[in-house]
Amino acid sequence: MRRATCDARRATCDARRATCDVRERWVSPRADAVAALVEAPAGKRPLRTIVGGSGQALAELNAVAERLQAEALRAQGLGHLLEVVTPG
């Protein structure tokens, strides 16, 4: 009985450790990307930022989405929203 309890506790600790590792691997790069965006000067922040694996595929998808978004805004007479105006 006592051995089963120790094994169960060990399994719980191992699971918690694994979860922390996953969180750290997932959260840290995203937090760094957000910090870089916040620190970037106005007018220099990209509309989309890729974080993690699949970078090339997402970059291609974002390029197409950006082009379609620009076309839609221009077609609706809202092309001026594509330009970033910084004060000063």
N, C-alpha and C. Protein backbone atom coordinates (compact mmCIF):
# COMPACT_ATOMS: atom_id res chain seq x y z
N MET A 1 0.83 -1.19 0.00
CA MET A 1 0.00 0.00 0.00
C MET A 1 0.88 1.25 0.00
N ARG A 2 1.87 1.25 0.86
CA ARG A 2 2.74 2.42 0.98
C ARG A 2 3.51 2.66 -0.33
N ARG A 3 3.96 1.58 -0.97
CA ARG A 3 4.70 1.69 -2.23
C ARG A 3 3.80 2.29 -3.32
N ALA A 4 2.55 1.89 -3.36
CA ALA A 4 1.62 2.42 -4.36
C ALA A 4 1.42 3.91 -4.16
N THR A 5 1.33 4.35 -2.92
CA THR A 5 1.17 5.78 -2.62
C THR A 5 2.39 6.57 -3.08
N CYS A 6 3.58 6.04 -2.82
CA CYS A 6 4.81 6.72 -3.25
C CYS A 6 4.88 6.78 -4.77
N ASP A 7 4.51 5.69 -5.43
CA ASP A 7 4.52 5.67 -6.89
C ASP A 7 3.54 6.68 -7.46
N ALA A 8 2.37 6.78 -6.84
CA ALA A 8 1.36 7.74 -7.29
C ALA A 8 1.86 9.17 -7.12
N ARG A 9 2.48 9.44 -5.98
CA ARG A 9 3.02 10.79 -5.75
C ARG A 9 4.13 11.11 -6.75
N ARG A 10 5.00 10.13 -7.00
CA ARG A 10 6.09 10.32 -7.96
C ARG A 10 5.52 10.61 -9.35
N ALA A 11 4.49 9.88 -9.73
CA ALA A 11 3.87 10.09 -11.04
C ALA A 11 3.26 11.49 -11.12
N THR A 12 2.64 11.95 -10.04
CA THR A 12 2.06 13.29 -10.01
C THR A 12 3.16 14.35 -10.16
N CYS A 13 4.25 14.18 -9.45
CA CYS A 13 5.37 15.13 -9.55
C CYS A 13 5.96 15.13 -10.95
N ASP A 14 6.12 13.94 -11.53
CA ASP A 14 6.65 13.85 -12.89
C ASP A 14 5.73 14.55 -13.88
N ALA A 15 4.43 14.37 -13.71
CA ALA A 15 3.47 15.02 -14.60
C ALA A 15 3.53 16.53 -14.47
N ARG A 16 3.66 17.02 -13.24
CA ARG A 16 3.77 18.47 -13.02
C ARG A 16 5.04 19.01 -13.68
N ARG A 17 6.14 18.29 -13.52
CA ARG A 17 7.39 18.72 -14.13
C ARG A 17 7.27 18.77 -15.65
N ALA A 18 6.65 17.77 -16.22
CA ALA A 18 6.47 17.73 -17.68
C ALA A 18 5.61 18.90 -18.14
N THR A 19 4.57 19.22 -17.37
CA THR A 19 3.71 20.34 -17.71
C THR A 19 4.48 21.65 -17.66
N CYS A 20 5.31 21.82 -16.66
CA CYS A 20 6.10 23.05 -16.55
C CYS A 20 7.04 23.17 -17.75
N ASP A 21 7.65 22.08 -18.15
CA ASP A 21 8.55 22.12 -19.30
C ASP A 21 7.79 22.54 -20.56
N VAL A 22 6.60 21.99 -20.75
CA VAL A 22 5.79 22.33 -21.92
C VAL A 22 5.41 23.80 -21.87
N ARG A 23 4.96 24.27 -20.73
CA ARG A 23 4.60 25.69 -20.59
C ARG A 23 5.79 26.58 -20.89
N GLU A 24 6.94 26.21 -20.35
CA GLU A 24 8.13 27.04 -20.55
C GLU A 24 8.52 27.08 -22.03
N ARG A 25 8.46 25.93 -22.69
CA ARG A 25 8.80 25.90 -24.11
C ARG A 25 7.77 26.65 -24.95
N TRP A 26 6.50 26.65 -24.53
CA TRP A 26 5.45 27.28 -25.31
C TRP A 26 5.33 28.76 -24.99
N VAL A 27 5.39 29.12 -23.73
CA VAL A 27 5.14 30.50 -23.30
C VAL A 27 6.33 31.41 -23.54
N SER A 28 7.51 30.97 -23.21
CA SER A 28 8.68 31.83 -23.26
C SER A 28 8.92 32.47 -24.64
N PRO A 29 8.90 31.72 -25.74
CA PRO A 29 9.11 32.37 -27.04
C PRO A 29 8.01 33.37 -27.37
N ARG A 30 6.80 33.07 -26.97
CA ARG A 30 5.69 33.98 -27.25
C ARG A 30 5.81 35.25 -26.41
N ALA A 31 6.19 35.09 -25.16
CA ALA A 31 6.38 36.26 -24.30
C ALA A 31 7.51 37.14 -24.84
N ASP A 32 8.57 36.51 -25.31
CA ASP A 32 9.69 37.27 -25.90
C ASP A 32 9.23 38.02 -27.15
N ALA A 33 8.39 37.37 -27.96
CA ALA A 33 7.90 38.02 -29.18
C ALA A 33 7.01 39.22 -28.84
N VAL A 34 6.16 39.06 -27.84
CA VAL A 34 5.30 40.17 -27.41
C VAL A 34 6.15 41.32 -26.89
N ALA A 35 7.15 41.00 -26.09
CA ALA A 35 8.04 42.04 -25.55
C ALA A 35 8.74 42.79 -26.68
N ALA A 36 9.20 42.07 -27.69
CA ALA A 36 9.86 42.71 -28.83
C ALA A 36 8.90 43.62 -29.58
N LEU A 37 7.65 43.20 -29.72
CA LEU A 37 6.66 44.05 -30.40
C LEU A 37 6.39 45.32 -29.60
N VAL A 38 6.25 45.18 -28.30
CA VAL A 38 5.96 46.33 -27.44
C VAL A 38 7.14 47.32 -27.47
N GLU A 39 8.34 46.79 -27.51
CA GLU A 39 9.53 47.65 -27.49
C GLU A 39 9.82 48.30 -28.84
N ALA A 40 9.24 47.77 -29.91
CA ALA A 40 9.48 48.33 -31.25
C ALA A 40 8.85 49.71 -31.35
N PRO A 41 9.50 50.63 -32.05
CA PRO A 41 8.94 51.98 -32.18
C PRO A 41 7.65 51.98 -33.00
N ALA A 42 6.80 52.93 -32.71
CA ALA A 42 5.54 53.07 -33.44
C ALA A 42 5.84 53.18 -34.93
N GLY A 43 5.03 52.51 -35.73
CA GLY A 43 5.22 52.52 -37.17
C GLY A 43 6.17 51.45 -37.66
N LYS A 44 6.83 50.78 -36.76
CA LYS A 44 7.77 49.71 -37.12
C LYS A 44 7.30 48.34 -36.68
N ARG A 45 6.14 48.28 -36.02
CA ARG A 45 5.62 47.00 -35.54
C ARG A 45 4.89 46.28 -36.67
N PRO A 46 5.23 45.03 -36.92
CA PRO A 46 4.53 44.29 -37.96
C PRO A 46 3.10 43.95 -37.55
N LEU A 47 2.22 43.79 -38.53
CA LEU A 47 0.85 43.41 -38.21
C LEU A 47 0.77 41.95 -37.76
N ARG A 48 1.69 41.14 -38.26
CA ARG A 48 1.72 39.73 -37.92
C ARG A 48 3.14 39.35 -37.53
N THR A 49 3.24 38.48 -36.52
CA THR A 49 4.55 38.00 -36.07
C THR A 49 4.49 36.49 -35.94
N ILE A 50 5.47 35.82 -36.48
CA ILE A 50 5.52 34.36 -36.44
C ILE A 50 6.40 33.93 -35.28
N VAL A 51 5.88 33.00 -34.46
CA VAL A 51 6.62 32.49 -33.33
C VAL A 51 6.54 30.96 -33.38
N GLY A 52 7.66 30.31 -33.25
CA GLY A 52 7.66 28.85 -33.19
C GLY A 52 7.99 28.21 -34.52
N GLY A 53 7.74 26.90 -34.61
CA GLY A 53 8.04 26.11 -35.80
C GLY A 53 7.27 26.60 -37.01
N SER A 54 7.02 25.85 -37.99
CA SER A 54 6.19 26.17 -39.17
C SER A 54 6.37 27.59 -39.69
N GLY A 55 7.49 28.21 -39.45
CA GLY A 55 7.71 29.60 -39.82
C GLY A 55 7.52 29.90 -41.28
N GLN A 56 8.09 29.09 -42.17
CA GLN A 56 7.99 29.36 -43.60
C GLN A 56 6.55 29.25 -44.09
N ALA A 57 5.84 28.21 -43.68
CA ALA A 57 4.45 28.03 -44.10
C ALA A 57 3.59 29.19 -43.62
N LEU A 58 3.79 29.60 -42.38
CA LEU A 58 3.00 30.72 -41.85
C LEU A 58 3.37 32.03 -42.51
N ALA A 59 4.63 32.20 -42.85
CA ALA A 59 5.04 33.43 -43.54
C ALA A 59 4.34 33.54 -44.89
N GLU A 60 4.25 32.43 -45.60
CA GLU A 60 3.55 32.44 -46.89
C GLU A 60 2.06 32.72 -46.71
N LEU A 61 1.47 32.09 -45.71
CA LEU A 61 0.05 32.30 -45.44
C LEU A 61 -0.21 33.76 -45.05
N ASN A 62 0.65 34.32 -44.21
CA ASN A 62 0.50 35.72 -43.80
C ASN A 62 0.65 36.67 -44.97
N ALA A 63 1.56 36.36 -45.89
CA ALA A 63 1.75 37.23 -47.06
C ALA A 63 0.48 37.26 -47.90
N VAL A 64 -0.14 36.12 -48.10
CA VAL A 64 -1.38 36.06 -48.87
C VAL A 64 -2.50 36.80 -48.13
N ALA A 65 -2.61 36.56 -46.83
CA ALA A 65 -3.64 37.23 -46.03
C ALA A 65 -3.47 38.74 -46.04
N GLU A 66 -2.23 39.19 -45.96
CA GLU A 66 -1.95 40.64 -45.97
C GLU A 66 -2.35 41.26 -47.32
N ARG A 67 -2.03 40.56 -48.39
CA ARG A 67 -2.39 41.06 -49.72
C ARG A 67 -3.91 41.13 -49.87
N LEU A 68 -4.63 40.08 -49.47
CA LEU A 68 -6.08 40.07 -49.57
C LEU A 68 -6.72 41.13 -48.68
N GLN A 69 -6.18 41.32 -47.50
CA GLN A 69 -6.69 42.35 -46.60
C GLN A 69 -6.52 43.73 -47.22
N ALA A 70 -5.36 43.99 -47.81
CA ALA A 70 -5.11 45.29 -48.44
C ALA A 70 -6.06 45.51 -49.61
N GLU A 71 -6.26 44.48 -50.43
CA GLU A 71 -7.19 44.60 -51.56
C GLU A 71 -8.60 44.89 -51.09
N ALA A 72 -9.04 44.20 -50.03
CA ALA A 72 -10.39 44.42 -49.51
C ALA A 72 -10.55 45.83 -48.96
N LEU A 73 -9.56 46.32 -48.24
CA LEU A 73 -9.65 47.67 -47.69
C LEU A 73 -9.69 48.72 -48.80
N ARG A 74 -8.86 48.54 -49.81
CA ARG A 74 -8.86 49.49 -50.94
C ARG A 74 -10.19 49.46 -51.67
N ALA A 75 -10.74 48.27 -51.87
CA ALA A 75 -12.02 48.13 -52.58
C ALA A 75 -13.15 48.82 -51.82
N GLN A 76 -13.04 48.92 -50.53
CA GLN A 76 -14.08 49.56 -49.71
C GLN A 76 -13.77 51.03 -49.44
N GLY A 77 -12.75 51.54 -50.10
CA GLY A 77 -12.39 52.94 -49.91
C GLY A 77 -11.68 53.21 -48.59
N LEU A 78 -11.08 52.19 -48.02
CA LEU A 78 -10.42 52.33 -46.73
C LEU A 78 -8.91 52.11 -46.82
N GLY A 79 -8.36 52.34 -48.00
CA GLY A 79 -6.94 52.13 -48.21
C GLY A 79 -6.05 52.96 -47.30
N HIS A 80 -6.58 54.10 -46.85
CA HIS A 80 -5.79 54.97 -45.96
C HIS A 80 -5.47 54.27 -44.63
N LEU A 81 -6.23 53.24 -44.27
CA LEU A 81 -5.97 52.52 -43.03
C LEU A 81 -4.71 51.65 -43.11
N LEU A 82 -4.19 51.48 -44.32
CA LEU A 82 -2.99 50.66 -44.50
C LEU A 82 -1.72 51.43 -44.15
N GLU A 83 -1.83 52.74 -44.08
CA GLU A 83 -0.67 53.58 -43.76
C GLU A 83 -0.63 53.90 -42.28
N VAL A 84 0.53 53.76 -41.69
CA VAL A 84 0.70 54.10 -40.27
C VAL A 84 1.19 55.53 -40.18
N VAL A 85 0.46 56.33 -39.42
CA VAL A 85 0.84 57.72 -39.21
C VAL A 85 1.29 57.86 -37.77
N THR A 86 2.53 58.30 -37.60
CA THR A 86 3.05 58.49 -36.24
C THR A 86 3.05 59.99 -35.91
N PRO A 87 2.71 60.31 -34.69
CA PRO A 87 2.70 61.73 -34.30
C PRO A 87 4.11 62.32 -34.33
N GLY A 88 4.16 63.57 -34.65
CA GLY A 88 5.41 64.27 -34.57
C GLY A 88 6.02 64.46 -35.88
